[in-house]
Protein backbone atom coordinates (compact mmCIF):
# COMPACT_ATOMS: atom_id res chain seq x y z
CA MET A 1 -0.19 -0.01 -0.19
CA LYS A 2 2.84 2.15 0.42
CA THR A 3 4.37 1.63 -2.85
CA VAL A 4 3.55 4.46 -5.36
CA ILE A 5 2.69 2.96 -9.03
CA ILE A 6 2.63 5.40 -11.98
CA TYR A 7 1.72 2.61 -14.60
CA PRO A 8 -1.08 0.36 -15.08
CA LEU A 9 -1.21 -2.81 -12.89
CA TYR A 10 -1.28 -5.02 -16.10
CA GLN A 11 2.08 -3.68 -17.11
CA SER A 12 3.61 -5.47 -14.29
CA ILE A 13 5.49 -8.97 -14.27
CA THR A 14 4.03 -9.83 -11.08
CA PHE A 15 0.74 -9.14 -11.91
CA TRP A 16 0.47 -11.66 -14.55
CA ILE A 17 2.22 -14.18 -12.78
CA CYS A 18 -0.32 -13.73 -9.72
CA VAL A 19 -3.13 -14.06 -12.53
CA GLY A 20 -1.55 -17.46 -13.90
CA PHE A 21 -1.40 -18.88 -10.58
CA PHE A 22 -4.82 -17.94 -9.46
CA LEU A 23 -6.19 -19.05 -12.58
CA TYR A 24 -4.40 -22.55 -12.11
CA PHE A 25 -5.39 -22.96 -8.28
CA THR A 26 -9.05 -22.05 -9.05
CA GLY A 27 -9.33 -24.07 -12.10
CA ASN A 28 -7.91 -27.25 -10.37
CA PHE A 29 -9.62 -26.89 -6.94
CA PHE A 30 -12.46 -29.37 -7.76
CA PHE A 31 -10.18 -31.34 -9.91
CA PHE A 32 -8.36 -32.52 -6.90
CA LEU A 33 -11.42 -32.92 -4.53
CA PHE A 34 -13.45 -34.87 -7.30
CA SER A 35 -10.44 -36.83 -8.71
CA ASN A 36 -10.54 -40.08 -6.38
CA THR A 37 -14.11 -39.92 -5.62
CA SER A 38 -15.59 -41.05 -9.06
CA THR A 39 -14.99 -44.24 -11.16
CA ASP A 40 -16.85 -43.09 -14.04
CA LYS A 41 -14.58 -43.20 -17.15
CA SER A 42 -16.06 -40.51 -18.85
CA PHE A 43 -15.99 -37.97 -15.78
CA VAL A 44 -12.53 -38.77 -15.21
CA LYS A 45 -11.91 -38.03 -18.93
CA GLN A 46 -13.54 -34.58 -18.81
CA LEU A 47 -11.61 -33.83 -15.33
CA ASN A 48 -8.35 -34.63 -17.39
CA ILE A 49 -9.39 -32.24 -20.18
CA ILE A 50 -10.15 -29.35 -17.80
CA TYR A 51 -6.87 -30.09 -15.95
CA SER A 52 -4.91 -30.16 -18.98
CA PHE A 53 -6.74 -26.84 -20.37
CA VAL A 54 -6.14 -25.05 -17.03
CA THR A 55 -2.34 -26.09 -16.85
CA ILE A 56 -1.84 -24.86 -20.37
CA THR A 57 -3.34 -21.79 -19.77
CA LYS A 58 -1.39 -21.16 -16.95
CA ASN A 59 1.67 -21.99 -18.78
CA ILE A 60 0.90 -19.66 -21.42
CA ILE A 61 0.09 -16.71 -19.10
CA LEU A 62 3.47 -17.31 -17.25
CA SER A 63 5.50 -17.53 -20.32
CA LEU A 64 3.83 -14.27 -21.63
CA SER A 65 4.47 -12.54 -18.54
CA LEU A 66 8.12 -12.55 -19.21
CA PHE A 67 7.49 -10.55 -22.45
CA VAL A 68 5.42 -7.57 -20.43
CA ASN A 69 7.47 -4.25 -20.63
CA GLU A 70 7.72 -2.69 -17.29
CA PRO A 71 8.34 0.82 -17.77
CA ASN A 72 11.27 2.33 -16.42
CA GLU A 73 11.43 4.58 -13.82
CA VAL A 74 12.56 8.00 -14.81
CA GLU A 75 16.06 8.85 -13.59
CA ASP A 76 18.29 11.35 -14.58
CA ASP A 77 21.84 10.09 -15.88
CA GLU A 78 23.64 13.00 -13.96
CA LEU A 79 25.06 12.52 -10.74
CA GLN A 80 23.11 14.43 -8.41
CA ILE A 81 25.04 15.70 -5.05
CA PRO A 82 22.90 17.17 -2.37
CA THR A 83 23.30 20.97 -2.05
CA ASN A 84 23.79 20.82 1.75
CA ILE A 85 26.90 18.82 1.72
CA ASN A 86 30.68 20.26 2.08
CA LEU A 87 32.94 18.20 0.87
CA ASP A 88 35.97 20.13 1.32
CA GLU A 89 35.32 20.77 5.14
CA PHE A 90 36.90 17.61 6.44
CA THR A 91 40.69 17.60 7.35
CA LEU A 92 42.44 15.46 9.93
CA THR A 93 44.83 18.21 11.01
CA ASN A 94 42.22 21.02 11.56
CA PRO A 95 39.17 19.54 12.42
CA LYS A 96 36.28 22.29 12.37
CA LYS A 97 34.06 22.40 15.50
CA LEU A 98 30.54 22.67 15.07
């Protein structure tokens, strides 16, 4: 909550990774619940199709998340030295008293 984001959330790699895993876990929630309860061949085949579809979709989203271009933060290439620093004030022989 303390992070200031200037660009849209969908341009973040982290967002797409979270979307991929969220889709995977929500899509396979009932698969793991029903996989051992049914012995019907057609039902097990449908569960395998759903599992395959969700897994392939997750892998596609995770792969595409690597191609998201996050905007670079605007930074000046110049070295910025604070104005209130005095670099020539420090000497070992004649220390300046504050």
